[in-house]
Each structure stands twice: as C-alpha cells, then as structure tokens.
Amino acid sequence: MFLSVFEMFKIGIGPSSSHTMGPMVAAARFLDRLRTGPFTPRGLRASLHGSLAFTGAGHATDRATILGLAGFTPEGYDAEAAEAELARVRKDATVRPKGLGELRFDPERDLVFDYDRTLPGHANGMILMATDAQGDVIAQETFYSVGGGFVLTEAELQAGADKEEGAPVPYPFKTAAEMLAMCAESGKSIAQLKRANELTRRKPRDLDEGLDRIWEVMSDCIDRGLSASGELPGGLRVKRRAKHIHDALLAERGMNLSAPHTINDWMSCYAMAVNEENAAGGQVVTAPTNGAAGVIPATIRYWLTHVPGASRAKLPDFLLTAAAIGGLIKYNASISGAECGCQAEVGSASAMAAAGLAAVMGATPEQVENAAEIALEHHLGMTCDPVKGLVQVPCIERNGLGSIKAVSAASLSLRGDGSHFVPLDAAIETMRQTGQDMSEKYKETALGGLAVNVPNC
C-alpha cells in the first residue's frame, strides 16, 4: 500500500479539507470531464448531501463549489480574484471555466442544499450536473469527499479505488505490524522505509524540496496566525486568541516566571494560530485534514524552538514518519470527521505528530509505533460537533490539546522500550468501529453535542 507524503500533506485553503477543498477538487474533475465529453454544455447545477448539506454553509462548501465550477483550484487559489469572481457569478448567474465558454449557473437556483437525502457511499456527497440549452441534464457525476481533500467518484468508490495498490514499492506495508517487521528485517527506520517508497515516484531532490515546501507553508501559517487579531468570520463572533497568548508568553520570558504548564501554552498558541487562519479561509496544509491542521505544525514548532538539540535537518524524517502513520490510519479506518468523528481528524493528527516527534528524538520503530498508539487511543470516541457548522468551536482549541497529547505520547514512549499492551493496529481498528457505531449527530452534521447545547446566534 502506497499513499504519498504529498497526499497526506496537501497545500490548500480553509476552512475544511473535506467541505471546502474536496468540493473544489470535485468541480475541477467534472469540468475536465466536460472538456473531453461529446456534449456541449450550456449550464451547470450542483446538489450537496449529508454533511456537505448540514454544515456546508459554515464550511464554505457553497463558495468552494461555485469557485470550483468557475475554474478555481486549491493549489492555485487567489483570494482576491476569488472574491471578485464570486461577486460576478452571483450578479450575472454565469461561470466561465476555461475551455467551456460561458455557462448558466445561478447559485440561488442551481446550487441545492439537500438535507433530506444522504447519498449511500459516504456522508460527504455531492452531485454535479451539466445541462443543455433547454435545461435538460446531459452529464452527471456523483462525487464523495472522503476526508483530507481526497475525492472519489461513485464508480471509483464502488471499485475500491481508495484501496488500490498502485505501482509496486519496496516496502508495501498495510499495517503497523507489517511496517515494524519490515523495519526489523531491513534495519531501516520508518522514515527510511517511507523515503524508499517515495523515491519510486519522484527524484530525491524533488522529494526534499517538496518536504521543505510543506514545512514552509505550515510555518508561515503559524506566523500569520500569531500576528493577526480580530474576529473570525461566520457569525459566532469568535475572537482570535493566538496572538494575545503569544504576546503574553513573550512578555513573561523576561519576568523569571516558572509556571510548569507554560510549555503547554506555547504549543496551544502555535496550534490555535494555524486553526484560526484555517477558520478565516487562509492557506494551510492538510495534516491530515484542515480541521486538524494545527497539531503537526505546532508539534514541529515546539520541537524546533523549545527542545535542545533539535535540528531542521531532521524535519524530513518527522514528516515522512508522520505520513506513514497517517497512511495506515486512512487505509484501515478514516481521516474524515463526517465518517468517524473528530477521533479521525485530531486523533489521527495527534498520532502522526507523536510518531514524528518520537522519530526525530531518537526513538526505535517500536517506540514510534507506541507513541502513535498512545496518542490515538486517547482520542477514541471524540465526536465532531462544530457549533453552527463552523471549524471554530471546539476545533481551534482541540488542536492545541491534540499537540499536547502528541508530545506527551512521544515522551511516554521514549521512557519505555517500545513494548506495550495495545498495538497501533488495534487502536486504528477500534477507531473505525467506534466511528461506524457513532450516531450521525456527532459526525460533522452539527445536529448534536456542543452544536445544539451552545447558543450560536
């Protein structure tokens, strides 16, 4: 099984990888199909289902769908151009994707939030349609946004495309047990296994430059979040807090204060900075999702800034190790909040961060696997219940706690010899089963939990 580090860590936009990036990617794929199809479309329509309908407005799914059908992509997103195009589309009721001319698309009429029908393949479903001059549908495709910006058509999902092996790799581990066995047999670390697999797809220089780019975007996102203030969009009137906390921590440095919990505040403000940027629609890296985008950057910033002996040269090992763990979780369970709750998002991110941190601090493969298991185990059962469907409450603070748990898990694993009672594979399977049993109210629909017990208007 091969899932690239650049699939786990995608550069995109907030506030949601599944609800914002996914629909934009789906729209781009549909446009590509129309460009090579036998029919000449004159109009477009879209319907959103399941979680995409229930929390779509709060996650900017409508904006993402409109912009995707207008030709925008997450990779080339230009915020200023996007705002101008949104205003034009709403005024003229047309989109102008490259190669397809001007197509009728009135968001008020042609973009439907269907709250009554959940599509069978996944909680995040959408149907895109092309119409002729008379308004009759001439092409239609069902897409599922399965978490982390990954998108599958209905046919791909039914064919098991998310489980495809792909071209052979030297270390095709599908479980943590297989991964550890390969480490033992080869004498390689988890990062070295992952690097060897990646090098079957790209040149060493491209891999290293890509990993540097991932951290550059993560780090820049932290810095933007630490310098911004004001309220976040969406109507909850949630105030940004990362800058205030960071400023206070900087001021305390010269005051000879020795509060033992201060390091937790540093980690929290780093993570909150990222997720405040995500909530504002800024550029983030899926890690493995937007809703959990702050955990891994915060853990890396903590390591580089606060841990003696930390070296930027080891950063690729952190990201490669984290991606290996994230790939196992996605392959064997899920990274989608709409499918398995927040245990699949912040829980997965915390496990990935714990593994990466343990690796760069000298852990054996067994200790790395132990770190990931500890972090994931102690997120099991966590629900996804965003207030007003926004990726703000409880998501922003939750990332801070996810990074703290990651550091604690890595530290605990390094105190042991790697032997432990619960295998990572068992924790991943438990997460999958728990998500399967979890009520839909607690899986990114904003129909239960904090979403209904906190006044949000």
Protein backbone atom coordinates (compact mmCIF):
# COMPACT_ATOMS: atom_id res chain seq x y z
CA MET A 1 0.00 0.00 0.00
CA PHE A 2 1.40 3.39 -1.00
CA LEU A 3 0.00 6.77 -0.06
CA SER A 4 2.40 9.60 -0.76
CA VAL A 5 3.51 12.11 1.85
CA PHE A 6 2.23 14.75 -0.58
CA GLU A 7 -1.22 13.20 -0.50
CA MET A 8 -1.32 13.30 3.30
CA PHE A 9 0.09 16.84 3.35
CA LYS A 10 -1.66 18.94 0.71
CA ILE A 11 -1.31 22.71 0.43
CA GLY A 12 -4.78 24.19 0.25
CA ILE A 13 -7.25 26.63 1.75
CA GLY A 14 -9.51 26.75 4.78
CA PRO A 15 -11.76 26.15 6.46
CA SER A 16 -12.20 22.45 5.61
CA SER A 17 -10.34 19.87 3.54
CA SER A 18 -13.45 17.73 3.05
CA HIS A 19 -16.02 20.52 2.79
CA THR A 20 -14.01 23.23 1.02
CA MET A 21 -11.05 21.68 -0.80
CA GLY A 22 -12.91 18.47 -1.70
CA PRO A 23 -15.86 20.11 -3.48
CA MET A 24 -13.47 22.43 -5.34
CA VAL A 25 -11.44 19.43 -6.49
CA ALA A 26 -14.63 17.58 -7.48
CA ALA A 27 -15.77 20.55 -9.55
CA ALA A 28 -12.40 20.69 -11.32
CA ARG A 29 -12.67 16.99 -12.16
CA PHE A 30 -16.19 17.45 -13.51
CA LEU A 31 -15.07 20.32 -15.72
CA ASP A 32 -12.25 18.17 -17.09
CA ARG A 33 -14.81 15.51 -17.97
CA LEU A 34 -16.96 18.06 -19.79
CA ARG A 35 -13.97 19.37 -21.76
CA THR A 36 -13.37 15.93 -23.24
CA GLY A 37 -17.02 14.87 -23.46
CA PRO A 38 -19.21 14.56 -26.57
CA PHE A 39 -21.78 17.16 -25.47
CA THR A 40 -21.67 20.95 -25.40
CA PRO A 41 -22.96 22.11 -22.04
CA ARG A 42 -24.86 25.36 -21.62
CA GLY A 43 -25.40 25.29 -17.86
CA LEU A 44 -24.35 23.67 -14.57
CA ARG A 45 -26.11 22.50 -11.42
CA ALA A 46 -24.97 21.06 -8.11
CA SER A 47 -26.59 19.41 -5.11
CA LEU A 48 -24.96 18.88 -1.72
CA HIS A 49 -25.91 15.95 0.51
CA GLY A 50 -25.31 14.63 4.02
CA SER A 51 -22.69 16.52 5.98
CA LEU A 52 -21.91 18.72 2.96
CA ALA A 53 -25.50 19.98 3.22
CA PHE A 54 -25.85 20.19 7.00
CA THR A 55 -22.59 22.05 7.66
CA GLY A 56 -21.83 23.25 4.16
CA ALA A 57 -22.61 26.91 4.77
CA GLY A 58 -20.37 27.04 7.84
CA HIS A 59 -17.59 25.21 6.00
CA ALA A 60 -17.85 27.44 2.87
CA THR A 61 -18.92 24.48 0.72
CA ASP A 62 -21.18 26.70 -1.34
CA ARG A 63 -18.34 29.14 -2.05
CA ALA A 64 -15.96 26.30 -2.87
CA THR A 65 -18.43 24.69 -5.27
CA ILE A 66 -19.12 27.97 -7.07
CA LEU A 67 -15.43 28.77 -7.38
CA GLY A 68 -14.60 25.21 -8.44
CA LEU A 69 -17.16 25.36 -11.23
CA ALA A 70 -15.68 28.74 -12.21
CA GLY A 71 -12.28 27.08 -12.63
CA PHE A 72 -10.53 27.75 -9.31
CA THR A 73 -8.41 25.05 -7.64
CA PRO A 74 -6.97 24.83 -4.11
CA GLU A 75 -3.40 24.78 -5.41
CA GLY A 76 -3.72 27.97 -7.43
CA TYR A 77 -6.19 29.78 -5.18
CA ASP A 78 -6.05 33.58 -5.32
CA ALA A 79 -8.22 35.08 -2.56
CA GLU A 80 -8.67 38.49 -4.19
CA ALA A 81 -9.56 37.02 -7.58
CA ALA A 82 -11.91 34.55 -5.90
CA GLU A 83 -13.88 37.29 -4.13
CA ALA A 84 -14.25 39.22 -7.37
CA GLU A 85 -15.41 36.13 -9.24
CA LEU A 86 -17.92 35.19 -6.54
CA ALA A 87 -19.47 38.64 -6.76
CA ARG A 88 -19.63 38.42 -10.57
CA VAL A 89 -21.18 34.93 -10.56
CA ARG A 90 -23.87 35.97 -8.08
CA LYS A 91 -24.63 39.06 -10.20
CA ASP A 92 -24.52 37.54 -13.69
CA ALA A 93 -25.60 33.96 -12.84
CA THR A 94 -22.88 32.51 -15.08
CA VAL A 95 -19.49 30.84 -14.74
CA ARG A 96 -16.67 30.94 -17.27
CA PRO A 97 -14.40 27.91 -16.82
CA LYS A 98 -11.50 27.72 -19.25
CA GLY A 99 -12.32 25.84 -22.45
CA LEU A 100 -16.07 25.68 -21.85
CA GLY A 101 -17.20 29.21 -22.54
CA GLU A 102 -19.92 30.92 -20.52
CA LEU A 103 -22.29 28.56 -18.72
CA ARG A 104 -25.51 29.36 -16.88
CA PHE A 105 -25.15 28.91 -13.14
CA ASP A 106 -27.30 30.81 -10.68
CA PRO A 107 -26.17 29.87 -7.15
CA GLU A 108 -29.59 30.75 -5.74
CA ARG A 109 -31.30 28.27 -8.02
CA ASP A 110 -28.67 25.83 -9.27
CA LEU A 111 -26.82 25.08 -6.00
CA VAL A 112 -29.09 22.98 -3.75
CA PHE A 113 -28.51 22.02 -0.13
CA ASP A 114 -30.39 18.71 0.01
CA TYR A 115 -30.97 17.96 3.69
CA ASP A 116 -33.32 15.06 3.01
CA ARG A 117 -31.18 12.65 1.01
CA THR A 118 -27.84 11.28 2.16
CA LEU A 119 -26.00 9.54 -0.66
CA PRO A 120 -25.07 5.90 0.01
CA GLY A 121 -21.31 6.00 -0.49
CA HIS A 122 -20.17 8.49 2.15
CA ALA A 123 -21.53 11.23 4.40
CA ASN A 124 -19.87 13.88 2.20
CA GLY A 125 -21.68 13.50 -1.12
CA MET A 126 -22.39 15.87 -4.00
CA ILE A 127 -23.89 15.56 -7.46
CA LEU A 128 -22.68 17.77 -10.31
CA MET A 129 -24.72 18.14 -13.48
CA ALA A 130 -24.34 19.77 -16.88
CA THR A 131 -27.41 20.91 -18.82
CA ASP A 132 -28.18 21.75 -22.44
CA ALA A 133 -29.82 24.86 -23.84
CA GLN A 134 -33.26 23.62 -22.72
CA GLY A 135 -32.06 22.94 -19.18
CA ASP A 136 -32.10 19.15 -19.52
CA VAL A 137 -29.29 17.21 -17.82
CA ILE A 138 -26.80 15.84 -20.35
CA ALA A 139 -24.00 14.80 -17.99
CA GLN A 140 -23.96 13.93 -14.31
CA GLU A 141 -21.41 12.66 -11.81
CA THR A 142 -21.62 11.80 -8.13
CA PHE A 143 -18.56 12.67 -6.05
CA TYR A 144 -17.61 11.84 -2.48
CA SER A 145 -15.23 14.00 -0.47
CA VAL A 146 -13.75 11.33 1.79
CA GLY A 147 -11.55 13.49 4.03
CA GLY A 148 -8.24 15.29 3.77
CA GLY A 149 -9.07 16.70 0.34
CA PHE A 150 -9.36 13.21 -1.21
CA VAL A 151 -12.20 12.92 -3.75
CA LEU A 152 -13.67 9.81 -5.39
CA THR A 153 -16.44 9.38 -7.93
CA GLU A 154 -19.20 6.95 -7.10
CA ALA A 155 -17.72 4.44 -9.54
CA GLU A 156 -14.25 4.82 -8.03
CA LEU A 157 -15.60 4.32 -4.53
CA GLN A 158 -17.53 1.19 -5.54
CA ALA A 159 -14.44 -0.17 -7.30
CA GLY A 160 -12.34 0.34 -4.16
CA ALA A 161 -10.08 2.95 -5.75
CA ASP A 162 -9.14 4.23 -2.28
CA LYS A 163 -7.65 0.80 -1.56
CA GLU A 164 -5.75 0.36 -4.83
CA GLU A 165 -2.16 -0.79 -4.51
CA GLY A 166 -0.70 1.44 -7.21
CA ALA A 167 2.72 0.75 -8.75
CA PRO A 168 4.98 -1.52 -6.67
CA VAL A 169 7.09 -0.05 -3.88
CA PRO A 170 9.94 -1.71 -1.99
CA TYR A 171 8.14 -1.64 1.37
CA PRO A 172 4.38 -2.11 0.80
CA PHE A 173 3.23 -2.20 4.42
CA LYS A 174 -0.53 -2.06 5.02
CA THR A 175 -0.46 -2.42 8.80
CA ALA A 176 1.74 -1.25 11.64
CA ALA A 177 2.74 -4.86 12.28
CA GLU A 178 3.96 -5.24 8.70
CA MET A 179 5.77 -1.92 8.96
CA LEU A 180 7.64 -2.98 12.11
CA ALA A 181 8.52 -6.34 10.58
CA MET A 182 9.99 -4.59 7.53
CA CYS A 183 11.97 -2.25 9.78
CA ALA A 184 13.36 -5.23 11.68
CA GLU A 185 14.25 -7.17 8.53
CA SER A 186 15.81 -4.24 6.67
CA GLY A 187 17.41 -2.43 9.59
CA LYS A 188 15.77 0.78 8.37
CA SER A 189 13.73 3.34 10.30
CA ILE A 190 10.10 4.06 9.42
CA ALA A 191 11.20 7.29 7.73
CA GLN A 192 13.74 5.36 5.65
CA LEU A 193 11.07 2.89 4.53
CA LYS A 194 8.80 5.76 3.58
CA ARG A 195 11.59 7.60 1.75
CA ALA A 196 12.44 4.48 -0.28
CA ASN A 197 8.80 4.16 -1.29
CA GLU A 198 8.55 7.85 -2.22
CA LEU A 199 11.66 7.62 -4.41
CA THR A 200 9.82 5.20 -6.71
CA ARG A 201 7.58 8.14 -7.65
CA ARG A 202 9.96 11.15 -7.71
CA LYS A 203 13.61 12.19 -7.67
CA PRO A 204 15.42 12.77 -4.36
CA ARG A 205 15.72 16.49 -4.98
CA ASP A 206 12.01 16.81 -5.75
CA LEU A 207 11.15 14.90 -2.59
CA ASP A 208 13.34 17.04 -0.36
CA GLU A 209 12.18 20.30 -1.94
CA GLY A 210 8.58 19.20 -1.56
CA LEU A 211 9.06 18.40 2.12
CA ASP A 212 10.74 21.77 2.66
CA ARG A 213 7.78 23.45 0.96
CA ILE A 214 5.31 21.67 3.25
CA TRP A 215 7.04 22.98 6.37
CA GLU A 216 7.46 26.43 4.85
CA VAL A 217 3.70 26.73 4.36
CA MET A 218 3.00 25.30 7.83
CA SER A 219 5.46 27.66 9.48
CA ASP A 220 4.21 30.70 7.57
CA CYS A 221 0.68 29.82 8.63
CA ILE A 222 1.74 29.78 12.29
CA ASP A 223 3.44 33.17 11.91
CA ARG A 224 0.41 34.74 10.21
CA GLY A 225 -1.85 33.43 12.94
CA LEU A 226 0.42 34.76 15.68
CA SER A 227 0.31 38.25 14.19
CA ALA A 228 -3.43 38.51 13.42
CA SER A 229 -6.21 39.73 15.67
CA GLY A 230 -9.93 40.46 15.46
CA GLU A 231 -13.00 38.28 14.98
CA LEU A 232 -13.25 35.21 12.80
CA PRO A 233 -15.90 35.18 10.05
CA GLY A 234 -19.08 33.15 10.29
CA GLY A 235 -21.30 34.88 12.81
CA LEU A 236 -20.17 33.30 16.08
CA ARG A 237 -18.04 36.35 16.82
CA VAL A 238 -15.19 34.13 17.99
CA LYS A 239 -12.12 36.25 18.67
CA ARG A 240 -8.63 35.25 17.62
CA ARG A 241 -6.58 34.44 20.71
CA ALA A 242 -3.27 33.04 19.46
CA LYS A 243 -1.62 36.47 19.13
CA HIS A 244 -2.68 37.56 22.61
CA ILE A 245 -1.40 34.33 24.18
CA HIS A 246 1.84 34.52 22.23
CA ASP A 247 2.43 38.16 23.17
CA ALA A 248 1.85 37.31 26.83
CA LEU A 249 4.25 34.38 26.67
CA LEU A 250 6.94 36.55 25.09
CA ALA A 251 6.47 39.18 27.80
CA GLU A 252 6.75 36.59 30.56
CA ARG A 253 10.10 35.33 29.26
CA GLY A 254 11.92 38.17 30.99
CA MET A 255 9.93 38.06 34.21
CA ASN A 256 11.53 34.96 35.72
CA LEU A 257 8.21 33.13 35.91
CA SER A 258 8.39 29.36 36.28
CA ALA A 259 4.85 28.07 35.76
CA PRO A 260 5.33 24.38 34.84
CA HIS A 261 2.45 24.41 32.38
CA THR A 262 3.79 27.26 30.24
CA ILE A 263 5.13 24.91 27.56
CA ASN A 264 1.56 23.71 27.01
CA ASP A 265 0.54 27.30 26.38
CA TRP A 266 3.26 27.65 23.74
CA MET A 267 2.07 24.51 21.96
CA SER A 268 -1.55 25.61 22.18
CA CYS A 269 -0.92 29.06 20.75
CA TYR A 270 1.04 27.59 17.82
CA ALA A 271 -1.80 25.18 17.02
CA MET A 272 -4.50 27.79 17.55
CA ALA A 273 -2.67 30.19 15.24
CA VAL A 274 -2.96 27.66 12.41
CA ASN A 275 -6.59 26.85 13.04
CA GLU A 276 -7.58 30.48 13.36
CA GLU A 277 -6.01 31.01 9.93
CA ASN A 278 -7.91 27.97 8.67
CA ALA A 279 -11.18 29.31 10.07
CA ALA A 280 -10.51 32.58 8.25
CA GLY A 281 -10.08 30.76 4.93
CA GLY A 282 -6.30 31.12 4.79
CA GLN A 283 -3.67 28.87 3.28
CA VAL A 284 -2.97 25.76 5.34
CA VAL A 285 -1.61 22.24 4.88
CA THR A 286 -3.92 19.26 5.38
CA ALA A 287 -2.31 17.39 8.26
CA PRO A 288 -4.09 15.13 7.59
CA THR A 289 -7.15 17.43 7.34
CA ASN A 290 -7.83 21.16 7.63
CA GLY A 291 -9.83 20.74 10.82
CA ALA A 292 -6.76 19.11 12.40
CA ALA A 293 -4.19 21.23 10.53
CA GLY A 294 -2.65 22.79 13.65
CA VAL A 295 -1.49 19.70 15.55
CA ILE A 296 1.55 18.70 13.47
CA PRO A 297 2.84 22.25 12.78
CA ALA A 298 2.53 23.09 16.48
CA THR A 299 4.42 19.96 17.48
CA ILE A 300 7.19 20.69 14.97
CA ARG A 301 7.47 24.33 16.07
CA TYR A 302 7.61 23.19 19.70
CA TRP A 303 10.39 20.73 18.85
CA LEU A 304 12.45 23.19 16.80
CA THR A 305 12.04 26.10 19.23
CA HIS A 306 11.89 24.56 22.68
CA VAL A 307 13.75 21.25 22.57
CA PRO A 308 17.55 21.45 22.96
CA GLY A 309 19.41 19.76 20.14
CA ALA A 310 16.52 19.91 17.65
CA SER A 311 17.78 20.16 14.08
CA ARG A 312 15.95 21.33 10.98
CA ALA A 313 17.92 18.66 9.09
CA LYS A 314 15.75 16.00 10.75
CA LEU A 315 12.49 17.60 9.63
CA PRO A 316 12.05 15.26 6.61
CA ASP A 317 12.19 12.29 8.99
CA PHE A 318 9.39 13.86 11.06
CA LEU A 319 7.13 14.41 8.06
CA LEU A 320 7.86 11.04 6.45
CA THR A 321 7.22 9.17 9.70
CA ALA A 322 4.01 11.10 10.31
CA ALA A 323 2.83 10.41 6.77
CA ALA A 324 3.50 6.69 7.18
CA ILE A 325 1.26 6.59 10.27
CA GLY A 326 -1.39 8.75 8.63
CA GLY A 327 -1.44 6.45 5.63
CA LEU A 328 -2.09 3.43 7.85
CA ILE A 329 -4.98 5.20 9.56
CA LYS A 330 -6.55 6.33 6.29
CA TYR A 331 -6.15 2.93 4.65
CA ASN A 332 -7.51 0.91 7.57
CA ALA A 333 -10.03 3.36 9.06
CA SER A 334 -10.65 7.00 8.14
CA ILE A 335 -9.39 10.57 8.49
CA SER A 336 -12.87 12.01 7.86
CA GLY A 337 -14.83 13.70 10.64
CA ALA A 338 -18.03 13.10 8.72
CA GLU A 339 -17.28 9.37 8.72
CA CYS A 340 -15.72 8.73 12.14
CA GLY A 341 -15.95 11.95 14.15
CA CYS A 342 -13.06 14.07 15.39
CA GLN A 343 -11.15 10.99 16.56
CA ALA A 344 -10.41 10.56 12.85
CA GLU A 345 -9.16 14.12 12.45
CA VAL A 346 -7.46 15.47 15.58
CA GLY A 347 -6.92 11.91 16.82
CA SER A 348 -5.14 10.94 13.61
CA ALA A 349 -3.15 14.18 13.58
CA SER A 350 -2.04 13.64 17.18
CA ALA A 351 -0.92 10.09 16.39
CA MET A 352 1.03 11.31 13.36
CA ALA A 353 2.64 14.13 15.35
CA ALA A 354 3.57 11.82 18.23
CA ALA A 355 5.21 9.39 15.83
CA GLY A 356 7.12 12.13 14.03
CA LEU A 357 8.36 13.70 17.25
CA ALA A 358 9.44 10.37 18.71
CA ALA A 359 11.32 9.57 15.50
CA VAL A 360 13.37 12.78 15.45
CA MET A 361 14.15 12.37 19.15
CA GLY A 362 15.83 9.03 18.52
CA ALA A 363 13.05 6.52 19.06
CA THR A 364 13.21 2.99 17.72
CA PRO A 365 10.48 1.94 15.26
CA GLU A 366 8.74 0.14 18.14
CA GLN A 367 8.79 3.31 20.27
CA VAL A 368 7.45 5.34 17.32
CA GLU A 369 4.56 2.90 16.88
CA ASN A 370 3.93 3.06 20.63
CA ALA A 371 3.82 6.89 20.54
CA ALA A 372 1.26 6.85 17.73
CA GLU A 373 -0.86 4.28 19.55
CA ILE A 374 -0.89 6.24 22.82
CA ALA A 375 -1.99 9.42 21.07
CA LEU A 376 -4.71 7.74 19.01
CA GLU A 377 -6.01 5.62 21.89
CA HIS A 378 -6.67 8.68 23.99
CA HIS A 379 -8.74 10.37 21.31
CA LEU A 380 -11.03 7.36 20.75
CA GLY A 381 -14.70 8.31 20.83
CA MET A 382 -14.14 12.02 20.21
CA THR A 383 -17.11 13.49 18.39
CA CYS A 384 -17.25 16.12 15.66
CA ASP A 385 -19.89 18.63 16.80
CA PRO A 386 -18.95 22.04 15.34
CA VAL A 387 -21.09 24.90 16.62
CA LYS A 388 -23.04 26.45 13.72
CA GLY A 389 -21.14 24.10 11.41
CA LEU A 390 -18.04 26.30 11.63
CA VAL A 391 -14.50 24.98 12.05
CA GLN A 392 -14.04 27.13 15.16
CA VAL A 393 -15.68 25.71 18.30
CA PRO A 394 -14.44 23.29 19.56
CA CYS A 395 -11.97 22.76 16.70
CA ILE A 396 -9.44 25.53 17.34
CA GLU A 397 -8.68 24.70 20.98
CA ARG A 398 -8.93 20.99 20.25
CA ASN A 399 -5.86 21.25 18.02
CA GLY A 400 -3.89 22.72 20.91
CA LEU A 401 -4.82 19.80 23.13
CA GLY A 402 -4.03 17.39 20.30
CA SER A 403 -0.48 18.72 20.10
CA ILE A 404 -0.06 18.50 23.88
CA LYS A 405 -1.21 14.87 23.79
CA ALA A 406 1.19 14.18 20.92
CA VAL A 407 4.17 15.47 22.90
CA SER A 408 3.07 13.55 25.99
CA ALA A 409 2.66 10.34 23.97
CA ALA A 410 6.09 10.71 22.39
CA SER A 411 7.65 11.37 25.79
CA LEU A 412 5.97 8.33 27.34
CA SER A 413 7.09 6.09 24.50
CA LEU A 414 10.69 7.25 24.86
CA ARG A 415 10.57 6.28 28.56
CA GLY A 416 9.86 2.70 27.55
CA ASP A 417 11.44 0.09 25.30
CA GLY A 418 8.66 0.01 22.70
CA SER A 419 6.77 -2.95 24.18
CA HIS A 420 3.18 -2.13 25.13
CA PHE A 421 -0.22 -3.71 25.62
CA VAL A 422 -2.38 -2.23 22.82
CA PRO A 423 -0.95 -2.42 19.26
CA LEU A 424 -1.45 0.56 16.97
CA ASP A 425 -3.36 -1.67 14.56
CA ALA A 426 -5.87 -2.45 17.33
CA ALA A 427 -6.32 1.24 18.11
CA ILE A 428 -6.91 2.02 14.41
CA GLU A 429 -9.48 -0.77 14.08
CA THR A 430 -11.17 0.39 17.28
CA MET A 431 -11.39 3.90 15.88
CA ARG A 432 -13.00 2.55 12.71
CA GLN A 433 -15.55 0.51 14.67
CA THR A 434 -16.30 3.40 17.02
CA GLY A 435 -16.91 5.70 14.07
CA GLN A 436 -19.18 3.13 12.48
CA ASP A 437 -21.23 2.91 15.69
CA MET A 438 -21.25 6.67 16.37
CA SER A 439 -24.54 8.50 15.89
CA GLU A 440 -24.71 10.67 12.79
CA LYS A 441 -25.47 13.60 15.12
CA TYR A 442 -21.84 13.55 16.20
CA LYS A 443 -20.22 13.23 12.79
CA GLU A 444 -19.87 16.77 11.40
CA THR A 445 -23.60 17.39 10.94
CA ALA A 446 -23.91 19.99 13.74
CA LEU A 447 -27.01 18.13 14.93
CA GLY A 448 -25.72 17.10 18.37
CA GLY A 449 -23.26 17.81 21.15
CA LEU A 450 -21.92 21.33 21.54
CA ALA A 451 -23.58 22.32 18.28
CA VAL A 452 -27.03 22.15 19.91
CA ASN A 453 -26.14 22.94 23.52
CA VAL A 454 -24.34 26.24 22.94
CA PRO A 455 -26.32 29.30 21.78
CA ASN A 456 -24.87 30.23 18.40
CA CYS A 457 -26.94 33.03 17.04
